[in-house]
Every structure is written in C-alpha cells, then in structure tokens.
C-alpha cells in the first residue's frame, strides 16, 4: 500500500528525512514511532503530497504523490496532528466538507461516529476541546471509506475510554480490508494495535520489523519478592543478568528465554515472581538511549 525508498527532505539546509525506506503492507496496522523532531509528521505529509520530498521514490496506493496528488488524496483518509481547523464551521459542516472529495465516503457513518464520540454536530469547531477536535479528525478519516488511512497522533488528548473505542474502530476497519499507517506517542495503543512498527530517529529508520520479532529480540524483566531478605552478593551472577535492588525485592533484566533463566534463580527464597516482559515502551527507551538519543 505504501512503498517508500530513500526519501529525503531538508529545510534551510537541515536534513529532516535522511533516506527513509518503509513498506506498509495492505490490510495491516503499521505503527510509526519516534521522539519529537524525528521527522514523523514530515514523512506522513509527503505521503499525501502536502510536503514535496527532495529525493527518493514513493508510491501510495500505486501512485506517486508528487505526480498524481489528486489520485493519492482520494485514496487516503488523513487525520493530521494539527487541530487548527476551520473554526467558524460547525462540526457537521466540517465533516461534510472533508468528505466531499472522497468518492466512496459515508457521510451518515461520519455523523454517527461523531454521535458515538459525543461531538455535537451543530457546535462550532472553534468551541470544541482539543480532544473533541481529535475525535472529529478521526471520524472523518474513518468515514472517508478510503483503502488507506494515515493518522498523525490519533490518540493525543483522548481519555482512556476514548482510546479504547478508537482502537476497536481501527481494528474493525482493518478487518474490513483497510490499511492504517499511524504515528503515535501512545506506545501502549501502538503495541495493542500494530502488527509492524518502524522507529524513526533524526530522520532515519532506526529499527523496523514485526512487533513480535522486535519485542522478542530485547531483554525480559522479572520482578521478584523474597520471603527473607537477600543480600546483593547472594543474587546469582550471569553475563546476561542485570540486577536492580536487593533485600525484600529485586528486578532482574535478562537476555535469553524465560525457561533458561528460571533454573538459575531457583535457589532464591522467592515469595512471588512476576513476568514484566519487555513492552514497546521499554524497547523505545533502550533503542534511543543506545543510539545516544533522548527518549521523549
């Protein structure tokens, strides 16, 4: 659905995108994560032709945004990160305006989604909260009925209940055959939703792959509570172990399989043990700290 090869973009001599290559497969939810300033929004804008790349090859739904921008935009339901919308319009009017150029758009469904989200159709956009504006953008992207949805920070300003509702809606869209490519700082939602994720840092792809493979390749974590205090010197040593804490509890960061670790800690007076397996947030922190960056 998206094929990007060596995409570059600079502003005033500053490289924002440095040879970004990504494949987004049809019928998937593909996450795009990275610190602020990594170039995520710039890349998303190149997909719909708002930003013109300096170099590289790009296809979105079989079309090059630099040559066939109308064909691309008709096939993409886009929700930008910016919520500086047409503030004098009412929510229902903006929804209708946003959908008028999508050939298969479902306006009744868009109105229904606004009702589900609690966004009044007759409320002026300028009077909506940041979270309601975000819901309006998500509703119009879904109701566009396009093969591809490109969402920039869709979970921003949403409360936990709204996030879960949006997650359910996005899963249903993919189950119906659509493709979703989205950036997000909400790593928990990204992990729950995405089958593949791309990490961007300083305009370059730092890591890319299936979610399961990326998580499997990083350290595991066990949280231990002891029946009796354990001195730091009595904790088992191993080149693949990193202990934090001692006494009544400790945290073990390990590499390898859980099955290989358990026999090596069997002699400890363990009261309880919890597998705090590496999640996307841990992976994010490790990748960017190892790369000399600052995780944000």
Protein backbone atom coordinates (compact mmCIF):
# COMPACT_ATOMS: atom_id res chain seq x y z
CA UNK A 1 0.00 0.00 0.00
CA UNK A 2 2.94 2.33 0.77
CA UNK A 3 6.37 1.84 -0.76
CA UNK A 4 8.99 4.41 0.22
CA UNK A 5 12.61 4.20 -0.84
CA UNK A 6 15.36 6.54 0.36
CA UNK A 7 13.05 9.51 0.99
CA UNK A 8 14.92 12.72 1.79
CA UNK A 9 13.74 16.18 2.80
CA UNK A 10 15.55 19.21 4.16
CA UNK A 11 14.55 22.70 5.25
CA UNK A 12 17.07 25.50 5.16
CA UNK A 13 19.98 23.10 4.97
CA UNK A 14 18.70 20.98 7.87
CA UNK A 15 18.06 17.34 6.96
CA UNK A 16 14.66 16.28 8.29
CA UNK A 17 14.36 12.97 6.41
CA UNK A 18 17.54 11.07 5.66
CA UNK A 19 16.86 8.20 3.30
CA UNK A 20 13.68 6.80 4.86
CA UNK A 21 12.57 3.46 3.41
CA UNK A 22 9.32 1.82 4.58
CA UNK A 23 6.89 -0.78 3.26
CA UNK A 24 3.32 -0.74 4.59
CA UNK A 25 1.51 -3.93 3.58
CA UNK A 26 -2.20 -3.92 2.66
CA UNK A 27 -4.61 -4.96 5.39
CA UNK A 28 -2.28 -4.12 8.28
CA UNK A 29 -1.90 -1.53 11.01
CA UNK A 30 1.66 -0.19 10.83
CA UNK A 31 2.99 1.98 13.64
CA UNK A 32 5.45 4.84 13.20
CA UNK A 33 7.14 5.99 16.40
CA UNK A 34 10.00 8.20 17.48
CA UNK A 35 10.90 11.22 19.63
CA UNK A 36 9.65 14.72 18.90
CA UNK A 37 11.51 16.14 15.92
CA UNK A 38 12.33 12.72 14.46
CA UNK A 39 10.60 13.63 11.17
CA UNK A 40 7.43 11.55 11.54
CA UNK A 41 4.92 14.28 10.62
CA UNK A 42 7.07 15.43 7.70
CA UNK A 43 7.13 11.89 6.33
CA UNK A 44 3.37 11.48 6.71
CA UNK A 45 2.84 14.75 4.86
CA UNK A 46 4.97 13.53 1.96
CA UNK A 47 2.55 10.61 1.60
CA UNK A 48 -0.35 12.91 0.74
CA UNK A 49 1.65 15.49 -1.20
CA UNK A 50 1.47 18.30 1.36
CA UNK A 51 5.27 18.17 1.60
CA UNK A 52 7.30 17.52 -1.54
CA UNK A 53 10.25 15.22 -1.00
CA UNK A 54 13.70 16.20 -2.21
CA UNK A 55 14.69 12.71 -3.27
CA UNK A 56 13.75 9.04 -3.27
CA UNK A 57 10.88 7.02 -4.71
CA UNK A 58 7.39 6.89 -3.25
CA UNK A 59 4.18 5.07 -4.12
CA UNK A 60 0.93 5.37 -2.19
CA UNK A 61 -1.75 3.03 -3.44
CA UNK A 62 0.16 2.73 -6.70
CA UNK A 63 0.52 6.49 -7.26
CA UNK A 64 3.35 8.94 -6.73
CA UNK A 65 2.10 11.89 -4.63
CA UNK A 66 4.47 14.22 -6.46
CA UNK A 67 2.86 13.37 -9.81
CA UNK A 68 -0.71 12.26 -9.01
CA UNK A 69 -1.63 14.06 -5.81
CA UNK A 70 -5.39 14.03 -6.50
CA UNK A 71 -5.39 10.26 -7.07
CA UNK A 72 -3.49 9.78 -3.81
CA UNK A 73 -5.69 12.05 -1.72
CA UNK A 74 -8.85 10.38 -2.95
CA UNK A 75 -7.47 7.09 -1.66
CA UNK A 76 -6.22 8.32 1.71
CA UNK A 77 -8.23 9.22 4.79
CA UNK A 78 -5.88 11.64 6.54
CA UNK A 79 -6.06 12.90 10.12
CA UNK A 80 -3.27 15.42 10.76
CA UNK A 81 -1.73 16.08 14.15
CA UNK A 82 -2.65 19.75 13.93
CA UNK A 83 -6.13 20.67 15.13
CA UNK A 84 -6.08 24.23 13.73
CA UNK A 85 -9.26 23.59 11.76
CA UNK A 86 -11.87 25.87 10.20
CA UNK A 87 -13.11 27.27 13.50
CA UNK A 88 -16.14 29.09 12.13
CA UNK A 89 -17.57 25.90 10.65
CA UNK A 90 -19.81 23.65 12.67
CA UNK A 91 -18.59 20.11 13.29
CA UNK A 92 -21.13 18.61 10.90
CA UNK A 93 -20.22 21.11 8.21
CA UNK A 94 -16.52 20.39 8.52
CA UNK A 95 -17.21 16.66 8.34
CA UNK A 96 -19.20 17.11 5.13
CA UNK A 97 -16.55 19.42 3.66
CA UNK A 98 -13.77 16.92 4.49
CA UNK A 99 -15.59 14.02 2.84
CA UNK A 100 -16.80 15.71 -0.36
CA UNK A 101 -13.70 14.75 -2.37
CA UNK A 102 -13.73 11.07 -1.39
CA UNK A 103 -15.72 9.11 -3.95
CA UNK A 104 -16.88 6.35 -1.58
CA UNK A 105 -17.29 8.48 1.56
CA UNK A 106 -20.03 7.56 4.02
CA UNK A 107 -21.37 10.82 5.47
CA UNK A 108 -24.12 9.17 7.56
CA UNK A 109 -21.50 6.99 9.20
CA UNK A 110 -19.35 10.03 9.92
CA UNK A 111 -22.29 11.71 11.65
CA UNK A 112 -22.96 8.52 13.61
CA UNK A 113 -19.32 8.39 14.73
CA UNK A 114 -19.49 11.98 15.96
CA UNK A 115 -22.53 10.97 17.98
CA UNK A 116 -20.67 8.00 19.44
CA UNK A 117 -17.74 10.29 20.31
CA UNK A 118 -20.03 12.88 21.87
CA UNK A 119 -19.15 15.64 19.39
CA UNK A 120 -22.21 17.86 18.75
CA UNK A 121 -22.86 18.32 15.02
CA UNK A 122 -24.02 21.91 15.48
CA UNK A 123 -21.12 23.01 17.72
CA UNK A 124 -18.66 25.40 16.07
CA UNK A 125 -15.25 23.81 15.68
CA UNK A 126 -13.60 26.71 17.49
CA UNK A 127 -15.67 25.89 20.57
CA UNK A 128 -14.60 22.24 20.66
CA UNK A 129 -11.99 20.98 23.09
CA UNK A 130 -8.70 19.63 21.78
CA UNK A 131 -9.91 16.09 22.40
CA UNK A 132 -13.18 16.66 20.52
CA UNK A 133 -11.29 18.10 17.55
CA UNK A 134 -9.16 14.97 17.54
CA UNK A 135 -12.31 12.83 17.50
CA UNK A 136 -13.67 14.89 14.60
CA UNK A 137 -10.49 14.23 12.59
CA UNK A 138 -10.63 10.50 13.34
CA UNK A 139 -14.33 10.33 12.40
CA UNK A 140 -13.75 11.97 9.02
CA UNK A 141 -10.76 9.70 8.29
CA UNK A 142 -12.83 6.59 9.04
CA UNK A 143 -15.90 7.84 7.18
CA UNK A 144 -13.80 8.62 4.07
CA UNK A 145 -14.03 4.87 3.33
CA UNK A 146 -10.64 5.04 1.61
CA UNK A 147 -8.37 1.99 1.24
CA UNK A 148 -5.68 3.70 3.31
CA UNK A 149 -5.86 5.77 6.49
CA UNK A 150 -2.89 7.93 7.51
CA UNK A 151 -3.22 9.15 11.10
CA UNK A 152 -0.81 11.50 12.85
CA UNK A 153 -1.05 11.20 16.65
CA UNK A 154 -4.66 9.94 16.65
CA UNK A 155 -4.65 9.14 20.38
CA UNK A 156 -3.44 12.55 21.54
CA UNK A 157 -5.77 14.24 24.07
CA UNK A 158 -8.09 11.23 24.22
CA UNK A 159 -9.10 9.81 27.59
CA UNK A 160 -8.56 6.07 28.20
CA UNK A 161 -12.16 5.15 27.33
CA UNK A 162 -11.99 7.09 24.05
CA UNK A 163 -8.64 5.48 23.18
CA UNK A 164 -10.09 2.02 23.63
CA UNK A 165 -13.09 2.93 21.50
CA UNK A 166 -10.84 4.27 18.74
CA UNK A 167 -8.67 1.15 18.95
CA UNK A 168 -11.75 -1.04 18.45
CA UNK A 169 -12.86 1.06 15.48
CA UNK A 170 -9.45 0.88 13.82
CA UNK A 171 -9.25 -2.89 14.27
CA UNK A 172 -12.68 -3.23 12.69
CA UNK A 173 -11.59 -1.12 9.70
CA UNK A 174 -8.58 -3.35 9.09
CA UNK A 175 -10.73 -6.45 9.49
CA UNK A 176 -12.86 -4.94 6.71
CA UNK A 177 -9.86 -4.68 4.39
CA UNK A 178 -8.44 -1.22 5.02
CA UNK A 179 -4.81 -0.34 5.75
CA UNK A 180 -3.73 2.03 8.53
CA UNK A 181 -0.40 3.82 8.94
CA UNK A 182 -0.15 5.98 12.02
CA UNK A 183 2.32 7.77 14.21
CA UNK A 184 1.79 7.96 17.93
CA UNK A 185 3.43 8.74 21.25
CA UNK A 186 0.90 6.41 22.86
CA UNK A 187 3.12 3.34 22.83
CA UNK A 188 0.60 1.19 24.69
CA UNK A 189 -2.01 1.70 21.96
CA UNK A 190 0.64 1.18 19.30
CA UNK A 191 1.61 -2.15 20.82
CA UNK A 192 -2.00 -3.29 21.12
CA UNK A 193 -2.88 -2.32 17.55
CA UNK A 194 0.13 -2.79 15.30
CA UNK A 195 1.47 -5.87 13.59
CA UNK A 196 4.56 -3.96 12.48
CA UNK A 197 6.35 -0.87 13.75
CA UNK A 198 9.02 1.46 12.39
CA UNK A 199 11.23 3.51 14.73
CA UNK A 200 12.41 6.83 13.33
CA UNK A 201 15.23 8.86 14.85
CA UNK A 202 16.82 12.04 13.50
CA UNK A 203 15.22 11.47 10.13
CA UNK A 204 16.46 7.90 9.70
CA UNK A 205 14.90 4.49 10.30
CA UNK A 206 16.45 3.14 13.49
CA UNK A 207 14.59 -0.18 13.57
CA UNK A 208 11.75 -1.77 11.61
CA UNK A 209 10.02 -5.12 11.81
CA UNK A 210 7.07 -7.20 13.01
CA UNK A 211 6.03 -6.25 16.53
CA UNK A 212 6.56 -9.75 17.91
CA UNK A 213 10.07 -10.03 16.48
CA UNK A 214 11.15 -6.64 17.82
CA UNK A 215 9.90 -7.39 21.32
CA UNK A 216 11.30 -10.92 21.32
CA UNK A 217 14.78 -9.66 20.49
CA UNK A 218 15.07 -7.48 23.59
CA UNK A 219 15.56 -8.07 27.27
CA UNK A 220 12.99 -9.67 29.52
CA UNK A 221 12.20 -8.44 33.02
CA UNK A 222 11.26 -10.35 36.18
CA UNK A 223 10.03 -8.68 39.37
CA UNK A 224 10.83 -10.79 42.43
CA UNK A 225 9.66 -10.60 46.04
CA UNK A 226 11.54 -12.65 48.65
CA UNK A 227 10.33 -14.43 51.78
CA UNK A 228 13.59 -13.41 53.52
CA UNK A 229 15.91 -10.51 52.68
CA UNK A 230 18.56 -11.34 50.10
CA UNK A 231 21.91 -9.53 50.03
CA UNK A 232 23.14 -8.19 46.71
CA UNK A 233 26.16 -10.52 46.90
CA UNK A 234 23.84 -13.54 47.11
CA UNK A 235 21.99 -12.79 43.86
CA UNK A 236 23.02 -15.22 41.08
CA UNK A 237 25.51 -13.74 38.63
CA UNK A 238 25.46 -14.30 34.90
CA UNK A 239 26.72 -12.30 31.91
CA UNK A 240 23.13 -11.99 30.72
CA UNK A 241 21.79 -10.76 34.12
CA UNK A 242 21.34 -7.20 35.36
CA UNK A 243 20.01 -6.94 38.91
CA UNK A 244 18.37 -3.88 40.40
CA UNK A 245 17.65 -3.82 44.13
CA UNK A 246 18.10 -6.40 46.89
CA UNK A 247 16.66 -7.14 50.31
CA UNK A 248 12.93 -7.88 50.14
CA UNK A 249 12.59 -7.41 46.37
CA UNK A 250 14.64 -7.14 43.20
CA UNK A 251 14.24 -6.58 39.48
CA UNK A 252 16.06 -8.85 37.05
CA UNK A 253 16.70 -7.76 33.47
CA UNK A 254 17.87 -10.73 31.42
CA UNK A 255 18.59 -11.79 27.88
CA UNK A 256 17.60 -15.18 26.60
CA UNK A 257 14.49 -17.24 27.25
CA UNK A 258 12.49 -17.30 30.46
CA UNK A 259 12.90 -21.10 30.55
CA UNK A 260 16.68 -20.72 30.69
CA UNK A 261 16.52 -18.13 33.50
CA UNK A 262 14.21 -19.86 35.98
CA UNK A 263 16.59 -22.72 36.95
CA UNK A 264 19.36 -20.19 37.69
CA UNK A 265 17.24 -18.30 40.25
CA UNK A 266 15.59 -21.40 41.74
CA UNK A 267 17.73 -21.25 44.90
CA UNK A 268 16.43 -17.84 45.97
CA UNK A 269 13.70 -17.62 48.68
CA UNK A 270 11.12 -16.39 46.17
CA UNK A 271 7.76 -15.35 47.59
CA UNK A 272 6.32 -14.16 44.30
CA UNK A 273 7.52 -13.62 40.77
CA UNK A 274 6.01 -11.51 38.00
CA UNK A 275 6.99 -11.52 34.37
CA UNK A 276 7.22 -7.87 33.38
CA UNK A 277 8.04 -8.77 29.79
CA UNK A 278 9.53 -6.12 27.58
CA UNK A 279 6.87 -3.89 26.08
CA UNK A 280 7.15 -1.27 23.39
CA UNK A 281 7.93 1.47 25.89
CA UNK A 282 10.91 -0.45 27.26
CA UNK A 283 12.08 -1.15 23.72
CA UNK A 284 11.66 2.53 22.81
CA UNK A 285 13.77 3.63 25.78
CA UNK A 286 16.51 1.12 25.09
CA UNK A 287 16.73 1.88 21.36
CA UNK A 288 17.02 5.63 21.76
CA UNK A 289 19.32 5.54 24.76
CA UNK A 290 21.61 3.07 22.99
CA UNK A 291 21.64 5.35 19.94
CA UNK A 292 22.71 8.30 22.06
CA UNK A 293 19.35 10.00 21.75
CA UNK A 294 16.91 11.11 24.37
CA UNK A 295 13.65 9.17 24.59
CA UNK A 296 10.71 11.52 24.69
